[in-house]
C-alpha atoms as a PDB file:
ATOM      1  CA  MET A   1     -12.821  25.722  20.709  1.00  0.00           C
ATOM      2  CA  GLU A   2     -15.325  23.772  18.578  1.00  0.00           C
ATOM      3  CA  PHE A   3     -14.288  20.235  17.642  1.00  0.00           C
ATOM      4  CA  GLY A   4     -16.511  17.556  16.153  1.00  0.00           C
ATOM      5  CA  GLY A   5     -19.545  19.793  16.658  1.00  0.00           C
ATOM      6  CA  LYS A   6     -18.869  20.262  20.383  1.00  0.00           C
ATOM      7  CA  GLN A   7     -17.224  23.012  22.394  1.00  0.00           C
ATOM      8  CA  LEU A   8     -13.888  21.954  23.903  1.00  0.00           C
ATOM      9  CA  SER A   9     -11.386  23.993  25.882  1.00  0.00           C
ATOM     10  CA  LEU A  10      -7.741  23.801  24.840  1.00  0.00           C
ATOM     11  CA  GLY A  11      -7.043  21.847  28.001  1.00  0.00           C
ATOM     12  CA  SER A  12      -9.770  19.312  27.224  1.00  0.00           C
ATOM     13  CA  LEU A  13      -8.544  18.916  23.664  1.00  0.00           C
ATOM     14  CA  PHE A  14      -4.969  18.354  24.863  1.00  0.00           C
ATOM     15  CA  ARG A  15      -6.095  15.708  27.349  1.00  0.00           C
ATOM     16  CA  LEU A  16      -8.154  13.994  24.655  1.00  0.00           C
ATOM     17  CA  LEU A  17      -5.144  13.954  22.325  1.00  0.00           C
ATOM     18  CA  LYS A  18      -2.881  12.550  24.987  1.00  0.00           C
ATOM     19  CA  ARG A  19      -5.282   9.995  26.435  1.00  0.00           C
ATOM     20  CA  ASP A  20      -6.949   8.403  23.461  1.00  0.00           C
ATOM     21  CA  ARG A  21      -5.744   9.208  19.971  1.00  0.00           C
ATOM     22  CA  PRO A  22      -7.733   6.368  18.319  1.00  0.00           C
ATOM     23  CA  LYS A  23     -10.935   7.690  19.862  1.00  0.00           C
ATOM     24  CA  LEU A  24     -10.043  11.179  18.704  1.00  0.00           C
ATOM     25  CA  GLU A  25      -9.566  10.040  15.113  1.00  0.00           C
ATOM     26  CA  LYS A  26     -13.016   8.478  15.079  1.00  0.00           C
ATOM     27  CA  TYR A  27     -14.456  11.500  16.870  1.00  0.00           C
ATOM     28  CA  ALA A  28     -12.966  13.836  14.271  1.00  0.00           C
ATOM     29  CA  ASP A  29     -14.686  11.905  11.483  1.00  0.00           C
ATOM     30  CA  SER A  30     -17.971  11.515  13.327  1.00  0.00           C
ATOM     31  CA  GLY A  31     -19.544  14.460  11.544  1.00  0.00           C
ATOM     32  CA  LEU A  32     -18.981  12.987   8.085  1.00  0.00           C
ATOM     33  CA  ASP A  33     -21.983  11.665   6.221  1.00  0.00           C
ATOM     34  CA  LYS A  34     -21.324   8.193   4.857  1.00  0.00           C
ATOM     35  CA  PRO A  35     -21.783   8.073   1.087  1.00  0.00           C
ATOM     36  CA  ASN A  36     -24.532   5.912  -0.331  1.00  0.00           C
ATOM     37  CA  ILE A  37     -22.545   2.968  -1.701  1.00  0.00           C
ATOM     38  CA  VAL A  38     -24.578   0.651  -3.919  1.00  0.00           C
ATOM     39  CA  ASP A  39     -22.086  -2.226  -3.847  1.00  0.00           C
ATOM     40  CA  LYS A  40     -21.704  -2.998  -0.144  1.00  0.00           C
ATOM     41  CA  ASP A  41     -19.190  -5.765  -0.941  1.00  0.00           C
ATOM     42  CA  SER A  42     -16.799  -3.391  -2.695  1.00  0.00           C
ATOM     43  CA  PHE A  43     -13.780  -2.189  -0.754  1.00  0.00           C
ATOM     44  CA  GLU A  44     -15.379   1.235  -0.581  1.00  0.00           C
ATOM     45  CA  GLY A  45     -18.605  -0.221   0.791  1.00  0.00           C
ATOM     46  CA  LEU A  46     -16.773  -2.323   3.374  1.00  0.00           C
ATOM     47  CA  PHE A  47     -14.711   0.676   4.435  1.00  0.00           C
ATOM     48  CA  TRP A  48     -17.705   2.896   5.149  1.00  0.00           C
ATOM     49  CA  GLU A  49     -19.521   0.103   7.000  1.00  0.00           C
ATOM     50  CA  HIS A  50     -16.464  -0.866   9.053  1.00  0.00           C
ATOM     51  CA  GLU A  51     -16.984  -0.837  12.830  1.00  0.00           C
ATOM     52  CA  GLY A  52     -13.843  -2.608  14.044  1.00  0.00           C
ATOM     53  CA  THR A  53     -10.469  -1.155  15.002  1.00  0.00           C
ATOM     54  CA  ILE A  54      -9.452   1.980  13.142  1.00  0.00           C
ATOM     55  CA  VAL A  55      -8.653   2.008   9.423  1.00  0.00           C
ATOM     56  CA  HIS A  56      -7.237   5.255   8.044  1.00  0.00           C
ATOM     57  CA  LYS A  57      -7.447   5.682   4.252  1.00  0.00           C
ATOM     58  CA  TRP A  58      -7.588   8.562   1.804  1.00  0.00           C
ATOM     59  CA  HIS A  59     -10.994   8.440   0.174  1.00  0.00           C
ATOM     60  CA  HIS A  60      -9.690   8.370  -3.398  1.00  0.00           C
ATOM     61  CA  TYR A  61      -7.717   5.166  -2.674  1.00  0.00           C
ATOM     62  CA  LEU A  62     -10.896   3.143  -2.212  1.00  0.00           C
ATOM     63  CA  PRO A  63     -12.066   2.862  -5.859  1.00  0.00           C
ATOM     64  CA  ILE A  64      -8.446   2.325  -6.930  1.00  0.00           C
ATOM     65  CA  TYR A  65      -8.245  -0.782  -4.738  1.00  0.00           C
ATOM     66  CA  GLU A  66     -11.463  -2.026  -6.270  1.00  0.00           C
ATOM     67  CA  LYS A  67     -10.229  -1.446  -9.828  1.00  0.00           C
ATOM     68  CA  PHE A  68      -7.057  -3.482  -9.429  1.00  0.00           C
ATOM     69  CA  LEU A  69      -7.842  -6.022  -6.719  1.00  0.00           C
ATOM     70  CA  SER A  70     -11.469  -7.064  -7.230  1.00  0.00           C
ATOM     71  CA  LYS A  71     -10.382 -10.069  -9.316  1.00  0.00           C
ATOM     72  CA  TYR A  72      -8.817 -11.573  -6.162  1.00  0.00           C
ATOM     73  CA  LYS A  73     -12.009 -11.557  -4.081  1.00  0.00           C
ATOM     74  CA  ASN A  74     -12.887 -14.959  -2.628  1.00  0.00           C
ATOM     75  CA  LYS A  75      -9.701 -16.448  -4.059  1.00  0.00           C
ATOM     76  CA  SER A  76      -6.667 -18.011  -2.384  1.00  0.00           C
ATOM     77  CA  VAL A  77      -4.659 -14.818  -2.909  1.00  0.00           C
ATOM     78  CA  LYS A  78      -1.420 -14.166  -1.017  1.00  0.00           C
ATOM     79  CA  PHE A  79      -1.499 -10.624   0.392  1.00  0.00           C
ATOM     80  CA  LEU A  80       1.203  -8.800   2.365  1.00  0.00           C
ATOM     81  CA  GLU A  81       0.622  -5.439   4.045  1.00  0.00           C
ATOM     82  CA  ILE A  82       3.493  -3.394   5.443  1.00  0.00           C
ATOM     83  CA  GLY A  83       2.242  -1.310   8.357  1.00  0.00           C
ATOM     84  CA  VAL A  84      -0.226  -2.904  10.770  1.00  0.00           C
ATOM     85  CA  SER A  85      -0.959   0.123  12.979  1.00  0.00           C
ATOM     86  CA  GLN A  86      -4.180  -0.669  14.890  1.00  0.00           C
ATOM     87  CA  GLY A  87      -5.077  -3.789  12.920  1.00  0.00           C
ATOM     88  CA  GLY A  88      -8.166  -2.373  11.232  1.00  0.00           C
ATOM     89  CA  SER A  89      -6.769  -2.544   7.729  1.00  0.00           C
ATOM     90  CA  LEU A  90      -5.945  -6.259   8.010  1.00  0.00           C
ATOM     91  CA  SER A  91      -9.487  -6.857   9.257  1.00  0.00           C
ATOM     92  CA  LEU A  92     -10.902  -5.012   6.275  1.00  0.00           C
ATOM     93  CA  TRP A  93      -8.748  -6.924   3.787  1.00  0.00           C
ATOM     94  CA  ARG A  94      -9.899 -10.192   5.350  1.00  0.00           C
ATOM     95  CA  LYS A  95     -13.519  -9.203   4.783  1.00  0.00           C
ATOM     96  CA  TYR A  96     -12.696  -8.147   1.232  1.00  0.00           C
ATOM     97  CA  PHE A  97     -10.639 -11.138   0.067  1.00  0.00           C
ATOM     98  CA  GLY A  98     -12.484 -13.793   2.054  1.00  0.00           C
ATOM     99  CA  PRO A  99     -11.498 -16.820   4.169  1.00  0.00           C
ATOM    100  CA  ASP A 100      -9.292 -18.517   1.560  1.00  0.00           C
ATOM    101  CA  ALA A 101      -6.788 -15.648   1.336  1.00  0.00           C
ATOM    102  CA  THR A 102      -3.396 -15.820   3.018  1.00  0.00           C
ATOM    103  CA  ILE A 103      -2.909 -12.428   4.680  1.00  0.00           C
ATOM    104  CA  TYR A 104       0.224 -11.263   6.463  1.00  0.00           C
ATOM    105  CA  GLY A 105       1.081  -7.925   8.030  1.00  0.00           C
ATOM    106  CA  VAL A 106       4.468  -6.640   9.159  1.00  0.00           C
ATOM    107  CA  ASP A 107       5.240  -3.792  11.526  1.00  0.00           C
ATOM    108  CA  ILE A 108       8.229  -2.558  13.508  1.00  0.00           C
ATOM    109  CA  ASP A 109       6.088  -1.899  16.602  1.00  0.00           C
ATOM    110  CA  PRO A 110       6.097  -4.938  18.938  1.00  0.00           C
ATOM    111  CA  GLN A 111       2.649  -3.955  20.236  1.00  0.00           C
ATOM    112  CA  CYS A 112       1.194  -4.949  16.852  1.00  0.00           C
ATOM    113  CA  LYS A 113       1.845  -8.585  17.778  1.00  0.00           C
ATOM    114  CA  VAL A 114      -1.497  -8.501  19.573  1.00  0.00           C
ATOM    115  CA  TYR A 115      -3.183  -8.676  16.133  1.00  0.00           C
ATOM    116  CA  ASP A 116      -1.359 -11.859  15.145  1.00  0.00           C
ATOM    117  CA  GLY A 117      -3.855 -14.586  14.335  1.00  0.00           C
ATOM    118  CA  VAL A 118      -6.912 -12.341  14.502  1.00  0.00           C
ATOM    119  CA  ASP A 119      -7.559 -11.624  10.824  1.00  0.00           C
ATOM    120  CA  ALA A 120      -4.025 -12.212   9.578  1.00  0.00           C
ATOM    121  CA  GLN A 121      -0.585 -13.370  10.579  1.00  0.00           C
ATOM    122  CA  VAL A 122       1.536 -10.509  11.961  1.00  0.00           C
ATOM    123  CA  ARG A 123       5.325 -10.483  12.018  1.00  0.00           C
ATOM    124  CA  ILE A 124       7.398  -7.886  13.846  1.00  0.00           C
ATOM    125  CA  GLY A 125      10.440  -6.419  12.116  1.00  0.00           C
ATOM    126  CA  SER A 126      11.696  -3.579   9.937  1.00  0.00           C
ATOM    127  CA  GLN A 127      10.690  -3.235   6.311  1.00  0.00           C
ATOM    128  CA  ASP A 128      14.252  -1.967   5.792  1.00  0.00           C
ATOM    129  CA  ASP A 129      15.626  -5.392   6.789  1.00  0.00           C
ATOM    130  CA  ALA A 130      16.012  -7.454   3.618  1.00  0.00           C
ATOM    131  CA  ASN A 131      16.515 -10.730   5.486  1.00  0.00           C
ATOM    132  CA  PHE A 132      13.389 -10.167   7.561  1.00  0.00           C
ATOM    133  CA  MET A 133      11.228  -9.232   4.577  1.00  0.00           C
ATOM    134  CA  SER A 134      12.412 -12.115   2.405  1.00  0.00           C
ATOM    135  CA  GLY A 135      11.836 -14.448   5.362  1.00  0.00           C
ATOM    136  CA  VAL A 136       8.221 -13.307   5.650  1.00  0.00           C
ATOM    137  CA  VAL A 137       7.638 -13.966   1.946  1.00  0.00           C
ATOM    138  CA  GLN A 138       9.279 -17.374   2.309  1.00  0.00           C
ATOM    139  CA  GLU A 139       6.945 -18.174   5.207  1.00  0.00           C
ATOM    140  CA  MET A 140       3.956 -17.122   3.104  1.00  0.00           C
ATOM    141  CA  GLY A 141       5.107 -19.456   0.335  1.00  0.00           C
ATOM    142  CA  GLU A 142       4.503 -16.823  -2.330  1.00  0.00           C
ATOM    143  CA  VAL A 143       2.943 -13.382  -2.646  1.00  0.00           C
ATOM    144  CA  ASP A 144       0.541 -11.858  -5.193  1.00  0.00           C
ATOM    145  CA  ILE A 145      -0.124  -8.423  -3.709  1.00  0.00           C
ATOM    146  CA  VAL A 146       2.082  -6.158  -1.628  1.00  0.00           C
ATOM    147  CA  LEU A 147       0.746  -2.992  -0.002  1.00  0.00           C
ATOM    148  CA  ASP A 148       3.404  -0.683   1.438  1.00  0.00           C
ATOM    149  CA  ASP A 149       1.755   1.539   4.033  1.00  0.00           C
ATOM    150  CA  GLY A 150       4.786   1.467   6.309  1.00  0.00           C
ATOM    151  CA  SER A 151       7.214   4.187   7.348  1.00  0.00           C
ATOM    152  CA  HIS A 152       6.793   6.269   4.142  1.00  0.00           C
ATOM    153  CA  ILE A 153      10.549   6.963   4.296  1.00  0.00           C
ATOM    154  CA  SER A 154      12.006   6.884   0.783  1.00  0.00           C
ATOM    155  CA  LYS A 155      14.995   4.785   1.807  1.00  0.00           C
ATOM    156  CA  HIS A 156      12.683   2.190   3.366  1.00  0.00           C
ATOM    157  CA  ILE A 157      10.285   2.196   0.416  1.00  0.00           C
ATOM    158  CA  ARG A 158      13.229   1.614  -1.930  1.00  0.00           C
ATOM    159  CA  SER A 159      14.731  -1.159   0.193  1.00  0.00           C
ATOM    160  CA  THR A 160      11.428  -2.983   0.525  1.00  0.00           C
ATOM    161  CA  PHE A 161      10.644  -2.743  -3.185  1.00  0.00           C
ATOM    162  CA  ASN A 162      14.084  -3.998  -4.181  1.00  0.00           C
ATOM    163  CA  THR A 163      13.734  -6.955  -1.820  1.00  0.00           C
ATOM    164  CA  VAL A 164      10.119  -7.986  -2.288  1.00  0.00           C
ATOM    165  CA  PHE A 165       9.189  -7.109  -5.901  1.00  0.00           C
ATOM    166  CA  PRO A 166      11.493  -9.794  -7.354  1.00  0.00           C
ATOM    167  CA  LEU A 167       9.879 -12.382  -5.029  1.00  0.00           C
ATOM    168  CA  MET A 168       6.325 -11.670  -6.184  1.00  0.00           C
ATOM    169  CA  ASN A 169       4.299 -13.883  -8.497  1.00  0.00           C
ATOM    170  CA  ASP A 170       3.946 -12.748 -12.082  1.00  0.00           C
ATOM    171  CA  GLY A 171       0.611 -11.014 -12.631  1.00  0.00           C
ATOM    172  CA  GLY A 172       0.675  -9.453  -9.174  1.00  0.00           C
ATOM    173  CA  PHE A 173       0.490  -5.868  -7.962  1.00  0.00           C
ATOM    174  CA  TYR A 174       2.895  -3.923  -5.749  1.00  0.00           C
ATOM    175  CA  ILE A 175       1.114  -0.918  -4.222  1.00  0.00           C
ATOM    176  CA  ILE A 176       2.788   1.986  -2.444  1.00  0.00           C
ATOM    177  CA  GLU A 177       0.609   4.413  -0.502  1.00  0.00           C
ATOM    178  CA  ASP A 178       1.116   7.959   0.767  1.00  0.00           C
ATOM    179  CA  LEU A 179       3.821   8.903  -1.705  1.00  0.00           C
ATOM    180  CA  HIS A 180       3.227  12.570  -0.927  1.00  0.00           C
ATOM    181  CA  ALA A 181       5.607  11.966   2.005  1.00  0.00           C
ATOM    182  CA  THR A 182       8.459  11.538  -0.483  1.00  0.00           C
ATOM    183  CA  TYR A 183       8.362  15.313  -1.045  1.00  0.00           C
ATOM    184  CA  TRP A 184       9.239  15.981   2.610  1.00  0.00           C
ATOM    185  CA  SER A 185      12.794  16.060   3.895  1.00  0.00           C
ATOM    186  CA  LYS A 186      11.839  14.502   7.243  1.00  0.00           C
ATOM    187  CA  TYR A 187      10.900  11.361   5.289  1.00  0.00           C
ATOM    188  CA  GLY A 188      14.202  11.348   3.442  1.00  0.00           C
ATOM    189  CA  GLY A 189      12.914  12.931   0.261  1.00  0.00           C
ATOM    190  CA  GLY A 190      12.288  16.339  -1.257  1.00  0.00           C
ATOM    191  CA  TYR A 191      10.905  17.923  -4.405  1.00  0.00           C
ATOM    192  CA  GLN A 192      12.765  16.450  -7.415  1.00  0.00           C
ATOM    193  CA  SER A 193      15.387  15.072  -5.013  1.00  0.00           C
ATOM    194  CA  SER A 194      17.478  12.093  -6.085  1.00  0.00           C
ATOM    195  CA  LYS A 195      16.871  10.676  -2.600  1.00  0.00           C
ATOM    196  CA  SER A 196      13.102  10.640  -3.078  1.00  0.00           C
ATOM    197  CA  PHE A 197      11.463   7.412  -4.233  1.00  0.00           C
ATOM    198  CA  MET A 198       9.833   9.532  -6.930  1.00  0.00           C
ATOM    199  CA  SER A 199      13.213   9.468  -8.662  1.00  0.00           C
ATOM    200  CA  ASP A 200      13.066   5.662  -8.641  1.00  0.00           C
ATOM    201  CA  ILE A 201       9.644   5.755 -10.274  1.00  0.00           C
ATOM    202  CA  SER A 202      10.976   8.075 -12.969  1.00  0.00           C
ATOM    203  CA  GLN A 203      13.954   5.780 -13.517  1.00  0.00           C
ATOM    204  CA  MET A 204      11.707   2.715 -13.739  1.00  0.00           C
ATOM    205  CA  TYR A 205       9.658   4.426 -16.434  1.00  0.00           C
ATOM    206  CA  ASP A 206      12.869   5.140 -18.338  1.00  0.00           C
ATOM    207  CA  ASP A 207      13.862   1.497 -17.830  1.00  0.00           C
ATOM    208  CA  MET A 208      10.577   0.356 -19.329  1.00  0.00           C
ATOM    209  CA  HIS A 209      11.635   2.203 -22.488  1.00  0.00           C
ATOM    210  CA  HIS A 210      15.119   0.713 -22.655  1.00  0.00           C
ATOM    211  CA  TRP A 211      14.225  -0.602 -26.106  1.00  0.00           C
ATOM    212  CA  TYR A 212      14.555   2.946 -27.419  1.00  0.00           C
ATOM    213  CA  HIS A 213      17.741   4.191 -25.708  1.00  0.00           C
ATOM    214  CA  SER A 214      21.213   2.861 -24.953  1.00  0.00           C
ATOM    215  CA  TYR A 215      21.286   3.268 -21.154  1.00  0.00           C
ATOM    216  CA  GLY A 216      19.831  -0.104 -20.180  1.00  0.00           C
ATOM    217  CA  GLN A 217      17.759  -0.826 -17.074  1.00  0.00           C
ATOM    218  CA  LYS A 218      19.142   0.819 -13.930  1.00  0.00           C
ATOM    219  CA  ILE A 219      16.803  -0.681 -11.321  1.00  0.00           C
ATOM    220  CA  SER A 220      17.658  -4.365 -11.414  1.00  0.00           C
ATOM    221  CA  SER A 221      14.867  -5.457  -9.040  1.00  0.00           C
ATOM    222  CA  ALA A 222      12.285  -4.650 -11.729  1.00  0.00           C
ATOM    223  CA  LYS A 223      14.364  -5.646 -14.761  1.00  0.00           C
ATOM    224  CA  ASP A 224      12.255  -7.241 -17.520  1.00  0.00           C
ATOM    225  CA  LYS A 225       9.353  -7.682 -15.080  1.00  0.00           C
ATOM    226  CA  LEU A 226       7.655  -4.280 -14.839  1.00  0.00           C
ATOM    227  CA  LYS A 227       4.654  -4.385 -17.159  1.00  0.00           C
ATOM    228  CA  ALA A 228       3.045  -1.114 -16.070  1.00  0.00           C
ATOM    229  CA  ILE A 229       3.144   1.704 -13.537  1.00  0.00           C
ATOM    230  CA  HIS A 230      -0.223   3.187 -12.596  1.00  0.00           C
ATOM    231  CA  LEU A 231       0.136   6.584 -10.928  1.00  0.00           C
ATOM    232  CA  TYR A 232      -2.496   8.445  -8.926  1.00  0.00           C
ATOM    233  CA  ASN A 233      -2.385  11.140  -6.271  1.00  0.00           C
ATOM    234  CA  SER A 234      -0.079   9.753  -3.552  1.00  0.00           C
ATOM    235  CA  ILE A 235      -0.429   6.117  -4.643  1.00  0.00           C
ATOM    236  CA  ALA A 236       1.356   4.001  -7.235  1.00  0.00           C
ATOM    237  CA  ILE A 237       0.624   0.488  -8.490  1.00  0.00           C
ATOM    238  CA  PHE A 238       3.405  -1.533 -10.097  1.00  0.00           C
ATOM    239  CA  GLU A 239       2.190  -4.405 -12.248  1.00  0.00           C
ATOM    240  CA  LYS A 240       4.562  -7.352 -12.447  1.00  0.00           C
ATOM    241  CA  ASN A 241       4.806  -9.694 -15.417  1.00  0.00           C
ATOM    242  CA  GLN A 242       7.236 -11.037 -17.968  1.00  0.00           C
ATOM    243  CA  ILE A 243       7.962  -8.405 -20.624  1.00  0.00           C
ATOM    244  CA  GLU A 244       8.413  -9.132 -24.301  1.00  0.00           C
ATOM    245  CA  ALA A 245       9.952  -6.824 -26.857  1.00  0.00           C
ATOM    246  CA  PRO A 246       7.335  -4.418 -28.270  1.00  0.00           C
ATOM    247  CA  ARG A 247       6.075  -5.141 -31.775  1.00  0.00           C
ATOM    248  CA  HIS A 248       4.120  -3.085 -34.254  1.00  0.00           C
ATOM    249  CA  SER A 249       2.384  -3.610 -37.555  1.00  0.00           C
ATOM    250  CA  ARG A 250       1.100  -1.470 -40.395  1.00  0.00           C
ATOM    251  CA  ILE A 251      -2.174  -2.668 -41.880  1.00  0.00           C
ATOM    252  CA  GLY A 252      -4.356  -1.161 -44.584  1.00  0.00           C
ATOM    253  CA  ILE A 253      -4.220   0.209 -48.097  1.00  0.00           C
ATOM    254  CA  GLY A 254      -1.686   3.010 -48.518  1.00  0.00           C
END
């Protein structure tokens, strides 16, 4: 069997999978040509030049990060990432935001504690635990950006959003990655299922238009604070800010 440009037997491939999955992930990508990124300080540029522990990102996420988060570079931003994995993402965010940023990561895997104090503070606990999550935000003092790259289970995504979004600073961004998992039953979702977090997104968009219907705002955690929802393939960005009643004017000669 050919893998990564080399011939491997099934037995060799199985042993490689079992022995060193991180090495395999890098090996699988070793044949990719890095794109020629002009701005080496952009998140995309930092990603392709990264040589530390593994970071796993869909390529189309990279310019999206840059679009929404570039204004926080070299600022004292408060950033919380859910899902530490092998620590590479926290390392990359440290390079991107700079030394003045407060960066925290949370993960349910106790082994992730080894990354505590390297490029960020790491706390071990479940994103589905409201007391734990609110305690992390309290320890941070405040939070401007949340990136949920955790379990991808709809129930957990919902619980974390309902706990943390109200605690965020106005003007901040709440980002949820890998939303394609909400279409899969093993992650507690399904296509057009009421259990899927996609149904919450749909409801929040209806709530944003409560000015025009009589059903009010159903998702209280975002009530009067959800300025915009930016939707892309598998990733959503929720923009938090105080909302005022919409106004309109008619100007000109009729």
